[in-house]
Amino acid sequence: MLSRIIVALIGIPILIGVLYYGGLPLLIFTNIIVGIGAYEFYKMAEMGGKRPHKLLGIIMAIVIPNVLFFKELNMISFGVEAVIALCIILIISLRVIQNRVENSSIDIGETILGALYPSVLFSHILLISLLPNGGKWLLTAQIMVWICDSFAYFVGMGIGRKIFKRGFNSISPKKSIEGAIGGTIFTVLALFLLEKYFGLITGEMNVLGAVILGLFISAVAQIGDLGESMFKREFKVKDSGTLLGGHGGILDRFDSMFFVAPVMYYLLKFVILG
């Protein structure tokens, strides 16, 4: 418990500042999360009996956010698709040179998934930061994730499995449908409060837009959480890592944000701000 409190007291203010101000610190932060996230995924996969190509996968994961960021700033001419294509060619070529056939598709697939899962999804926070009021939107997204996670937990503990008997037993026995609904309701309510008292939305969204955004964010946040639990269940591990002490690993802490970042970016770009 003490380690959880210490990590929270130190980490939360830093995270808030990095998300709000963006720029190079946000890029560095993204590289750290993506690199460690890929490493944790591969370690879990190895514990589950898989044999991914870790080094190539981690390099691929770290290169992607940098290419995405500098491409958006028109500082380079090639994009993420070039990086993905080249890395897939390298991974398959390595396997061919090694003359290894057994479990080739599984090992190559695990390598590509382990790189793209944290990098492509989480790198969308860089795209959000470059939108008008991007820092406020990023901070709003993170607060919504925290609220969704917290109230899904509290509602689930209070009335979980009392209305809907079947929850998400195969993936996460502690997760319930009641908790998911509670997390969704409080996320939508929080969105109105964030705008009313802190001006985080800056008047750019009407009531319908707030409801739509709140529903989508809460849904994908919980799917992201369950998705990472699905991998842990498959690989038979309790936590993705121990870096954050009682909070687990990087994937344990940012799994929801992996899904929220791209969904929020495209909603903002094409629906709310578009």
C-alpha atoms as a PDB file:
ATOM      1  CA  MET A   1       0.000   0.000   0.000  1.00  0.00           C
ATOM      2  CA  LEU A   2       2.820   2.420   0.879  1.00  0.00           C
ATOM      3  CA  SER A   3       4.489   1.860  -2.489  1.00  0.00           C
ATOM      4  CA  ARG A   4       1.191   2.555  -4.270  1.00  0.00           C
ATOM      5  CA  ILE A   5       0.779   5.852  -2.397  1.00  0.00           C
ATOM      6  CA  ILE A   6       4.365   6.952  -3.083  1.00  0.00           C
ATOM      7  CA  VAL A   7       4.109   6.137  -6.796  1.00  0.00           C
ATOM      8  CA  ALA A   8       0.801   8.024  -7.003  1.00  0.00           C
ATOM      9  CA  LEU A   9       2.081  11.104  -5.146  1.00  0.00           C
ATOM     10  CA  ILE A  10       5.122  11.365  -7.399  1.00  0.00           C
ATOM     11  CA  GLY A  11       3.706  10.093 -10.665  1.00  0.00           C
ATOM     12  CA  ILE A  12       0.325  11.840 -10.904  1.00  0.00           C
ATOM     13  CA  PRO A  13       1.623  15.469 -10.785  1.00  0.00           C
ATOM     14  CA  ILE A  14       4.312  14.615 -13.336  1.00  0.00           C
ATOM     15  CA  LEU A  15       1.780  12.917 -15.599  1.00  0.00           C
ATOM     16  CA  ILE A  16      -0.623  15.866 -15.399  1.00  0.00           C
ATOM     17  CA  GLY A  17       2.121  18.334 -16.289  1.00  0.00           C
ATOM     18  CA  VAL A  18       3.442  16.275 -19.203  1.00  0.00           C
ATOM     19  CA  LEU A  19      -0.028  15.710 -20.668  1.00  0.00           C
ATOM     20  CA  TYR A  20      -1.032  19.356 -20.345  1.00  0.00           C
ATOM     21  CA  TYR A  21       2.092  21.018 -21.725  1.00  0.00           C
ATOM     22  CA  GLY A  22       2.934  18.418 -24.396  1.00  0.00           C
ATOM     23  CA  GLY A  23       5.874  19.000 -26.737  1.00  0.00           C
ATOM     24  CA  LEU A  24       9.192  17.224 -26.339  1.00  0.00           C
ATOM     25  CA  PRO A  25       8.495  16.070 -22.735  1.00  0.00           C
ATOM     26  CA  LEU A  26       5.336  14.336 -23.973  1.00  0.00           C
ATOM     27  CA  LEU A  27       7.314  12.666 -26.777  1.00  0.00           C
ATOM     28  CA  ILE A  28       9.919  11.433 -24.294  1.00  0.00           C
ATOM     29  CA  PHE A  29       7.161  10.210 -21.978  1.00  0.00           C
ATOM     30  CA  THR A  30       5.499   8.383 -24.884  1.00  0.00           C
ATOM     31  CA  ASN A  31       8.778   6.693 -25.803  1.00  0.00           C
ATOM     32  CA  ILE A  32       9.214   5.490 -22.228  1.00  0.00           C
ATOM     33  CA  ILE A  33       5.679   4.104 -21.957  1.00  0.00           C
ATOM     34  CA  VAL A  34       5.814   2.466 -25.388  1.00  0.00           C
ATOM     35  CA  GLY A  35       9.278   0.965 -24.912  1.00  0.00           C
ATOM     36  CA  ILE A  36       8.562  -0.467 -21.468  1.00  0.00           C
ATOM     37  CA  GLY A  37       5.084  -1.549 -22.548  1.00  0.00           C
ATOM     38  CA  ALA A  38       6.504  -3.559 -25.458  1.00  0.00           C
ATOM     39  CA  TYR A  39       9.144  -5.093 -23.187  1.00  0.00           C
ATOM     40  CA  GLU A  40       6.481  -6.115 -20.643  1.00  0.00           C
ATOM     41  CA  PHE A  41       4.314  -7.653 -23.363  1.00  0.00           C
ATOM     42  CA  TYR A  42       7.209  -9.750 -24.636  1.00  0.00           C
ATOM     43  CA  LYS A  43       8.153 -10.854 -21.118  1.00  0.00           C
ATOM     44  CA  MET A  44       4.585 -11.987 -20.508  1.00  0.00           C
ATOM     45  CA  ALA A  45       4.559 -13.777 -23.857  1.00  0.00           C
ATOM     46  CA  GLU A  46       7.775 -15.602 -22.967  1.00  0.00           C
ATOM     47  CA  MET A  47       6.287 -16.632 -19.629  1.00  0.00           C
ATOM     48  CA  GLY A  48       3.367 -18.009 -21.631  1.00  0.00           C
ATOM     49  CA  GLY A  49       5.670 -20.138 -23.754  1.00  0.00           C
ATOM     50  CA  LYS A  50       5.948 -17.832 -26.786  1.00  0.00           C
ATOM     51  CA  ARG A  51       9.200 -16.795 -28.467  1.00  0.00           C
ATOM     52  CA  PRO A  52       8.817 -13.282 -29.911  1.00  0.00           C
ATOM     53  CA  HIS A  53      11.721 -11.408 -31.459  1.00  0.00           C
ATOM     54  CA  LYS A  54      12.041  -8.940 -28.571  1.00  0.00           C
ATOM     55  CA  LEU A  55      14.800  -6.640 -29.754  1.00  0.00           C
ATOM     56  CA  LEU A  56      13.310  -5.999 -33.193  1.00  0.00           C
ATOM     57  CA  GLY A  57       9.876  -5.556 -31.639  1.00  0.00           C
ATOM     58  CA  ILE A  58      11.023  -3.025 -29.046  1.00  0.00           C
ATOM     59  CA  ILE A  59      12.959  -1.031 -31.659  1.00  0.00           C
ATOM     60  CA  MET A  60       9.896  -1.019 -33.921  1.00  0.00           C
ATOM     61  CA  ALA A  61       7.690   0.121 -31.035  1.00  0.00           C
ATOM     62  CA  ILE A  62       9.961   3.028 -30.068  1.00  0.00           C
ATOM     63  CA  VAL A  63      10.528   4.261 -33.628  1.00  0.00           C
ATOM     64  CA  ILE A  64       6.793   4.577 -34.364  1.00  0.00           C
ATOM     65  CA  PRO A  65       5.876   7.468 -31.986  1.00  0.00           C
ATOM     66  CA  ASN A  66       8.915   9.474 -33.087  1.00  0.00           C
ATOM     67  CA  VAL A  67       8.091   9.067 -36.772  1.00  0.00           C
ATOM     68  CA  LEU A  68       4.454   9.927 -36.082  1.00  0.00           C
ATOM     69  CA  PHE A  69       5.362  13.075 -34.141  1.00  0.00           C
ATOM     70  CA  PHE A  70       7.936  14.491 -36.562  1.00  0.00           C
ATOM     71  CA  LYS A  71       5.789  13.583 -39.567  1.00  0.00           C
ATOM     72  CA  GLU A  72       2.954  15.662 -38.107  1.00  0.00           C
ATOM     73  CA  LEU A  73       5.380  18.568 -37.761  1.00  0.00           C
ATOM     74  CA  ASN A  74       6.443  18.085 -41.418  1.00  0.00           C
ATOM     75  CA  MET A  75      10.029  17.451 -40.352  1.00  0.00           C
ATOM     76  CA  ILE A  76      10.290  14.089 -42.137  1.00  0.00           C
ATOM     77  CA  SER A  77       8.728  12.820 -45.369  1.00  0.00           C
ATOM     78  CA  PHE A  78       7.920   9.201 -44.493  1.00  0.00           C
ATOM     79  CA  GLY A  79       5.240   7.943 -42.143  1.00  0.00           C
ATOM     80  CA  VAL A  80       4.423   5.135 -39.734  1.00  0.00           C
ATOM     81  CA  GLU A  81       3.309   2.829 -42.543  1.00  0.00           C
ATOM     82  CA  ALA A  82       6.887   2.782 -43.858  1.00  0.00           C
ATOM     83  CA  VAL A  83       8.227   1.799 -40.440  1.00  0.00           C
ATOM     84  CA  ILE A  84       5.669  -0.982 -40.021  1.00  0.00           C
ATOM     85  CA  ALA A  85       6.301  -2.350 -43.512  1.00  0.00           C
ATOM     86  CA  LEU A  86      10.084  -2.332 -43.067  1.00  0.00           C
ATOM     87  CA  CYS A  87       9.924  -3.968 -39.650  1.00  0.00           C
ATOM     88  CA  ILE A  88       7.587  -6.736 -40.835  1.00  0.00           C
ATOM     89  CA  ILE A  89       9.991  -7.441 -43.696  1.00  0.00           C
ATOM     90  CA  LEU A  90      12.928  -7.532 -41.248  1.00  0.00           C
ATOM     91  CA  ILE A  91      11.157  -9.830 -38.798  1.00  0.00           C
ATOM     92  CA  ILE A  92      10.135 -12.325 -41.478  1.00  0.00           C
ATOM     93  CA  SER A  93      13.567 -12.100 -43.123  1.00  0.00           C
ATOM     94  CA  LEU A  94      15.248 -12.888 -39.795  1.00  0.00           C
ATOM     95  CA  ARG A  95      13.080 -15.952 -39.407  1.00  0.00           C
ATOM     96  CA  VAL A  96      13.908 -17.117 -42.930  1.00  0.00           C
ATOM     97  CA  ILE A  97      17.649 -16.596 -42.393  1.00  0.00           C
ATOM     98  CA  GLN A  98      17.417 -18.581 -39.157  1.00  0.00           C
ATOM     99  CA  ASN A  99      15.730 -21.356 -41.165  1.00  0.00           C
ATOM    100  CA  ARG A 100      13.080 -21.774 -38.449  1.00  0.00           C
ATOM    101  CA  VAL A 101       9.659 -23.120 -39.368  1.00  0.00           C
ATOM    102  CA  GLU A 102       8.000 -24.272 -36.164  1.00  0.00           C
ATOM    103  CA  ASN A 103       5.572 -21.694 -34.699  1.00  0.00           C
ATOM    104  CA  SER A 104       6.733 -19.098 -37.214  1.00  0.00           C
ATOM    105  CA  SER A 105       3.347 -17.434 -37.615  1.00  0.00           C
ATOM    106  CA  ILE A 106       2.785 -17.388 -33.845  1.00  0.00           C
ATOM    107  CA  ASP A 107       6.198 -15.933 -32.971  1.00  0.00           C
ATOM    108  CA  ILE A 108       6.086 -13.365 -35.791  1.00  0.00           C
ATOM    109  CA  GLY A 109       2.506 -12.451 -34.889  1.00  0.00           C
ATOM    110  CA  GLU A 110       3.404 -12.018 -31.209  1.00  0.00           C
ATOM    111  CA  THR A 111       6.336  -9.801 -32.202  1.00  0.00           C
ATOM    112  CA  ILE A 112       4.219  -7.535 -34.396  1.00  0.00           C
ATOM    113  CA  LEU A 113       1.356  -7.380 -31.891  1.00  0.00           C
ATOM    114  CA  GLY A 114       3.727  -6.618 -29.014  1.00  0.00           C
ATOM    115  CA  ALA A 115       5.132  -3.662 -30.948  1.00  0.00           C
ATOM    116  CA  LEU A 116       1.949  -2.225 -32.462  1.00  0.00           C
ATOM    117  CA  TYR A 117      -0.314  -2.688 -29.425  1.00  0.00           C
ATOM    118  CA  PRO A 118       1.451  -0.123 -27.213  1.00  0.00           C
ATOM    119  CA  SER A 119       3.059   2.070 -29.893  1.00  0.00           C
ATOM    120  CA  VAL A 120       0.346   2.712 -32.476  1.00  0.00           C
ATOM    121  CA  LEU A 121      -2.429   3.033 -29.896  1.00  0.00           C
ATOM    122  CA  PHE A 122      -0.639   5.119 -27.256  1.00  0.00           C
ATOM    123  CA  SER A 123       1.097   7.362 -29.805  1.00  0.00           C
ATOM    124  CA  HIS A 124      -2.279   8.964 -30.486  1.00  0.00           C
ATOM    125  CA  ILE A 125      -1.728  11.105 -27.382  1.00  0.00           C
ATOM    126  CA  LEU A 126       0.851  12.955 -29.488  1.00  0.00           C
ATOM    127  CA  LEU A 127      -1.769  13.614 -32.166  1.00  0.00           C
ATOM    128  CA  ILE A 128      -4.262  14.847 -29.553  1.00  0.00           C
ATOM    129  CA  SER A 129      -1.648  17.217 -28.129  1.00  0.00           C
ATOM    130  CA  LEU A 130      -1.292  18.882 -31.539  1.00  0.00           C
ATOM    131  CA  LEU A 131      -5.029  19.637 -31.796  1.00  0.00           C
ATOM    132  CA  PRO A 132      -6.443  23.001 -30.610  1.00  0.00           C
ATOM    133  CA  ASN A 133      -6.398  22.933 -26.790  1.00  0.00           C
ATOM    134  CA  GLY A 134      -4.734  19.527 -27.066  1.00  0.00           C
ATOM    135  CA  GLY A 135      -3.290  19.682 -23.567  1.00  0.00           C
ATOM    136  CA  LYS A 136      -6.726  20.227 -22.044  1.00  0.00           C
ATOM    137  CA  TRP A 137      -8.204  17.389 -24.075  1.00  0.00           C
ATOM    138  CA  LEU A 138      -5.427  15.024 -23.014  1.00  0.00           C
ATOM    139  CA  LEU A 139      -5.885  15.959 -19.379  1.00  0.00           C
ATOM    140  CA  THR A 140      -9.636  15.480 -19.757  1.00  0.00           C
ATOM    141  CA  ALA A 141      -9.089  12.036 -21.277  1.00  0.00           C
ATOM    142  CA  GLN A 142      -6.819  10.925 -18.435  1.00  0.00           C
ATOM    143  CA  ILE A 143      -9.185  12.206 -15.751  1.00  0.00           C
ATOM    144  CA  MET A 144     -12.080  10.411 -17.450  1.00  0.00           C
ATOM    145  CA  VAL A 145     -10.087   7.176 -17.457  1.00  0.00           C
ATOM    146  CA  TRP A 146      -9.316   7.522 -13.751  1.00  0.00           C
ATOM    147  CA  ILE A 147     -12.962   8.240 -12.956  1.00  0.00           C
ATOM    148  CA  CYS A 148     -14.199   5.361 -15.091  1.00  0.00           C
ATOM    149  CA  ASP A 149     -11.768   2.896 -13.516  1.00  0.00           C
ATOM    150  CA  SER A 150     -12.501   4.068  -9.974  1.00  0.00           C
ATOM    151  CA  PHE A 151     -16.289   4.072 -10.165  1.00  0.00           C
ATOM    152  CA  ALA A 152     -16.414   0.821 -12.133  1.00  0.00           C
ATOM    153  CA  TYR A 153     -14.465  -0.683  -9.234  1.00  0.00           C
ATOM    154  CA  PHE A 154     -16.602   0.844  -6.459  1.00  0.00           C
ATOM    155  CA  VAL A 155     -19.942   0.095  -8.128  1.00  0.00           C
ATOM    156  CA  GLY A 156     -18.779  -3.420  -8.951  1.00  0.00           C
ATOM    157  CA  MET A 157     -17.729  -3.997  -5.342  1.00  0.00           C
ATOM    158  CA  GLY A 158     -21.075  -2.676  -4.101  1.00  0.00           C
ATOM    159  CA  ILE A 159     -23.641  -4.307  -6.375  1.00  0.00           C
ATOM    160  CA  GLY A 160     -21.610  -6.419  -8.797  1.00  0.00           C
ATOM    161  CA  ARG A 161     -23.289  -9.682  -9.967  1.00  0.00           C
ATOM    162  CA  LYS A 162     -26.512  -8.846  -8.105  1.00  0.00           C
ATOM    163  CA  ILE A 163     -28.402  -7.832 -11.242  1.00  0.00           C
ATOM    164  CA  PHE A 164     -26.405  -9.406 -14.064  1.00  0.00           C
ATOM    165  CA  LYS A 165     -25.040 -12.754 -12.921  1.00  0.00           C
ATOM    166  CA  ARG A 166     -22.758 -13.233 -15.881  1.00  0.00           C
ATOM    167  CA  GLY A 167     -19.888 -10.785 -15.993  1.00  0.00           C
ATOM    168  CA  PHE A 168     -16.475 -11.254 -17.593  1.00  0.00           C
ATOM    169  CA  ASN A 169     -15.575 -14.474 -15.786  1.00  0.00           C
ATOM    170  CA  SER A 170     -13.183 -15.881 -18.376  1.00  0.00           C
ATOM    171  CA  ILE A 171     -11.122 -12.691 -18.636  1.00  0.00           C
ATOM    172  CA  SER A 172     -11.398 -11.018 -15.236  1.00  0.00           C
ATOM    173  CA  PRO A 173     -13.598 -12.624 -12.547  1.00  0.00           C
ATOM    174  CA  LYS A 174     -13.741  -9.386 -10.533  1.00  0.00           C
ATOM    175  CA  LYS A 175     -15.211  -7.325 -13.397  1.00  0.00           C
ATOM    176  CA  SER A 176     -19.012  -7.073 -13.522  1.00  0.00           C
ATOM    177  CA  ILE A 177     -21.591  -5.594 -15.890  1.00  0.00           C
ATOM    178  CA  GLU A 178     -22.932  -3.440 -13.051  1.00  0.00           C
ATOM    179  CA  GLY A 179     -19.467  -1.996 -12.536  1.00  0.00           C
ATOM    180  CA  ALA A 180     -19.137  -1.278 -16.251  1.00  0.00           C
ATOM    181  CA  ILE A 181     -22.465   0.572 -16.275  1.00  0.00           C
ATOM    182  CA  GLY A 182     -21.522   2.525 -13.144  1.00  0.00           C
ATOM    183  CA  GLY A 183     -18.201   3.543 -14.633  1.00  0.00           C
ATOM    184  CA  THR A 184     -19.956   4.741 -17.783  1.00  0.00           C
ATOM    185  CA  ILE A 185     -22.556   6.826 -15.948  1.00  0.00           C
ATOM    186  CA  PHE A 186     -20.014   8.564 -13.721  1.00  0.00           C
ATOM    187  CA  THR A 187     -17.692   9.221 -16.662  1.00  0.00           C
ATOM    188  CA  VAL A 188     -20.443  11.094 -18.517  1.00  0.00           C
ATOM    189  CA  LEU A 189     -21.327  13.054 -15.366  1.00  0.00           C
ATOM    190  CA  ALA A 190     -17.668  13.884 -14.779  1.00  0.00           C
ATOM    191  CA  LEU A 191     -17.383  15.328 -18.265  1.00  0.00           C
ATOM    192  CA  PHE A 192     -20.055  17.931 -17.465  1.00  0.00           C
ATOM    193  CA  LEU A 193     -18.407  18.777 -14.126  1.00  0.00           C
ATOM    194  CA  LEU A 194     -14.973  19.136 -15.732  1.00  0.00           C
ATOM    195  CA  GLU A 195     -16.333  21.731 -18.125  1.00  0.00           C
ATOM    196  CA  LYS A 196     -18.533  23.537 -15.619  1.00  0.00           C
ATOM    197  CA  TYR A 197     -15.927  24.010 -12.890  1.00  0.00           C
ATOM    198  CA  PHE A 198     -12.563  23.717 -14.679  1.00  0.00           C
ATOM    199  CA  GLY A 199     -13.307  24.663 -18.286  1.00  0.00           C
ATOM    200  CA  LEU A 200     -11.397  21.669 -19.606  1.00  0.00           C
ATOM    201  CA  ILE A 201     -13.604  21.354 -22.666  1.00  0.00           C
ATOM    202  CA  THR A 202     -13.362  25.080 -23.397  1.00  0.00           C
ATOM    203  CA  GLY A 203     -16.922  25.397 -24.704  1.00  0.00           C
ATOM    204  CA  GLU A 204     -16.192  23.412 -27.847  1.00  0.00           C
ATOM    205  CA  MET A 205     -18.787  20.710 -27.266  1.00  0.00           C
ATOM    206  CA  ASN A 206     -22.555  20.677 -26.767  1.00  0.00           C
ATOM    207  CA  VAL A 207     -24.510  18.396 -24.453  1.00  0.00           C
ATOM    208  CA  LEU A 208     -24.990  15.686 -27.074  1.00  0.00           C
ATOM    209  CA  GLY A 209     -21.288  15.756 -27.901  1.00  0.00           C
ATOM    210  CA  ALA A 210     -20.420  15.374 -24.212  1.00  0.00           C
ATOM    211  CA  VAL A 211     -22.718  12.380 -23.855  1.00  0.00           C
ATOM    212  CA  ILE A 212     -21.319  10.728 -26.992  1.00  0.00           C
ATOM    213  CA  LEU A 213     -17.723  11.348 -25.929  1.00  0.00           C
ATOM    214  CA  GLY A 214     -18.379  10.130 -22.383  1.00  0.00           C
ATOM    215  CA  LEU A 215     -20.059   6.941 -23.601  1.00  0.00           C
ATOM    216  CA  PHE A 216     -17.326   6.124 -26.097  1.00  0.00           C
ATOM    217  CA  ILE A 217     -14.465   6.904 -23.712  1.00  0.00           C
ATOM    218  CA  SER A 218     -15.900   4.868 -20.838  1.00  0.00           C
ATOM    219  CA  ALA A 219     -16.648   1.923 -23.128  1.00  0.00           C
ATOM    220  CA  VAL A 220     -13.219   1.755 -24.750  1.00  0.00           C
ATOM    221  CA  ALA A 221     -11.440   2.439 -21.444  1.00  0.00           C
ATOM    222  CA  GLN A 222     -13.033  -0.659 -19.949  1.00  0.00           C
ATOM    223  CA  ILE A 223     -12.409  -2.718 -23.087  1.00  0.00           C
ATOM    224  CA  GLY A 224      -8.763  -1.663 -22.974  1.00  0.00           C
ATOM    225  CA  ASP A 225      -8.537  -2.796 -19.361  1.00  0.00           C
ATOM    226  CA  LEU A 226     -10.209  -6.126 -20.151  1.00  0.00           C
ATOM    227  CA  GLY A 227      -8.056  -6.554 -23.245  1.00  0.00           C
ATOM    228  CA  GLU A 228      -4.858  -6.400 -21.220  1.00  0.00           C
ATOM    229  CA  SER A 229      -6.408  -8.756 -18.655  1.00  0.00           C
ATOM    230  CA  MET A 230      -7.146 -11.125 -21.533  1.00  0.00           C
ATOM    231  CA  PHE A 231      -3.458 -11.223 -22.472  1.00  0.00           C
ATOM    232  CA  LYS A 232      -2.419 -11.743 -18.842  1.00  0.00           C
ATOM    233  CA  ARG A 233      -4.919 -14.567 -18.498  1.00  0.00           C
ATOM    234  CA  GLU A 234      -3.604 -16.216 -21.658  1.00  0.00           C
ATOM    235  CA  PHE A 235       0.022 -15.873 -20.563  1.00  0.00           C
ATOM    236  CA  LYS A 236      -0.883 -16.894 -16.987  1.00  0.00           C
ATOM    237  CA  VAL A 237       0.625 -13.884 -15.208  1.00  0.00           C
ATOM    238  CA  LYS A 238      -0.868 -11.693 -12.482  1.00  0.00           C
ATOM    239  CA  ASP A 239       0.668  -8.339 -13.474  1.00  0.00           C
ATOM    240  CA  SER A 240       2.452  -7.141 -16.588  1.00  0.00           C
ATOM    241  CA  GLY A 241       5.420  -6.072 -14.467  1.00  0.00           C
ATOM    242  CA  THR A 242       6.632  -4.710 -11.132  1.00  0.00           C
ATOM    243  CA  LEU A 243       8.028  -1.323 -12.195  1.00  0.00           C
ATOM    244  CA  LEU A 244       5.288   0.661 -10.420  1.00  0.00           C
ATOM    245  CA  GLY A 245       5.296  -1.411  -7.236  1.00  0.00           C
ATOM    246  CA  GLY A 246       1.776  -2.120  -6.036  1.00  0.00           C
ATOM    247  CA  HIS A 247       0.382  -0.585  -9.228  1.00  0.00           C
ATOM    248  CA  GLY A 248       1.911  -3.366 -11.334  1.00  0.00           C
ATOM    249  CA  GLY A 249       3.566  -2.621 -14.656  1.00  0.00           C
ATOM    250  CA  ILE A 250       3.199   0.005 -17.346  1.00  0.00           C
ATOM    251  CA  LEU A 251       0.625  -2.033 -19.255  1.00  0.00           C
ATOM    252  CA  ASP A 252      -1.422  -2.418 -16.067  1.00  0.00           C
ATOM    253  CA  ARG A 253      -1.577   1.355 -15.591  1.00  0.00           C
ATOM    254  CA  PHE A 254      -2.004   2.558 -19.164  1.00  0.00           C
ATOM    255  CA  ASP A 255      -4.060  -0.219 -20.749  1.00  0.00           C
ATOM    256  CA  SER A 256      -7.213   1.919 -20.760  1.00  0.00           C
ATOM    257  CA  MET A 257      -5.414   4.926 -22.227  1.00  0.00           C
ATOM    258  CA  PHE A 258      -4.120   2.760 -25.072  1.00  0.00           C
ATOM    259  CA  PHE A 259      -7.697   2.443 -26.307  1.00  0.00           C
ATOM    260  CA  VAL A 260      -8.972   5.855 -25.223  1.00  0.00           C
ATOM    261  CA  ALA A 261      -6.283   7.882 -27.042  1.00  0.00           C
ATOM    262  CA  PRO A 262      -7.085   6.816 -30.637  1.00  0.00           C
ATOM    263  CA  VAL A 263     -10.854   6.830 -30.119  1.00  0.00           C
ATOM    264  CA  MET A 264     -10.791  10.293 -28.557  1.00  0.00           C
ATOM    265  CA  TYR A 265      -8.485  11.652 -31.251  1.00  0.00           C
ATOM    266  CA  TYR A 266     -10.725  10.575 -34.126  1.00  0.00           C
ATOM    267  CA  LEU A 267     -13.877  11.733 -32.349  1.00  0.00           C
ATOM    268  CA  LEU A 268     -12.289  15.136 -31.761  1.00  0.00           C
ATOM    269  CA  LYS A 269     -10.834  15.491 -35.236  1.00  0.00           C
ATOM    270  CA  PHE A 270     -13.807  14.322 -37.299  1.00  0.00           C
ATOM    271  CA  VAL A 271     -16.878  14.831 -35.071  1.00  0.00           C
ATOM    272  CA  ILE A 272     -16.436  17.323 -32.238  1.00  0.00           C
ATOM    273  CA  LEU A 273     -13.850  19.750 -33.640  1.00  0.00           C
ATOM    274  CA  GLY A 274     -14.246  18.874 -37.301  1.00  0.00           C
END
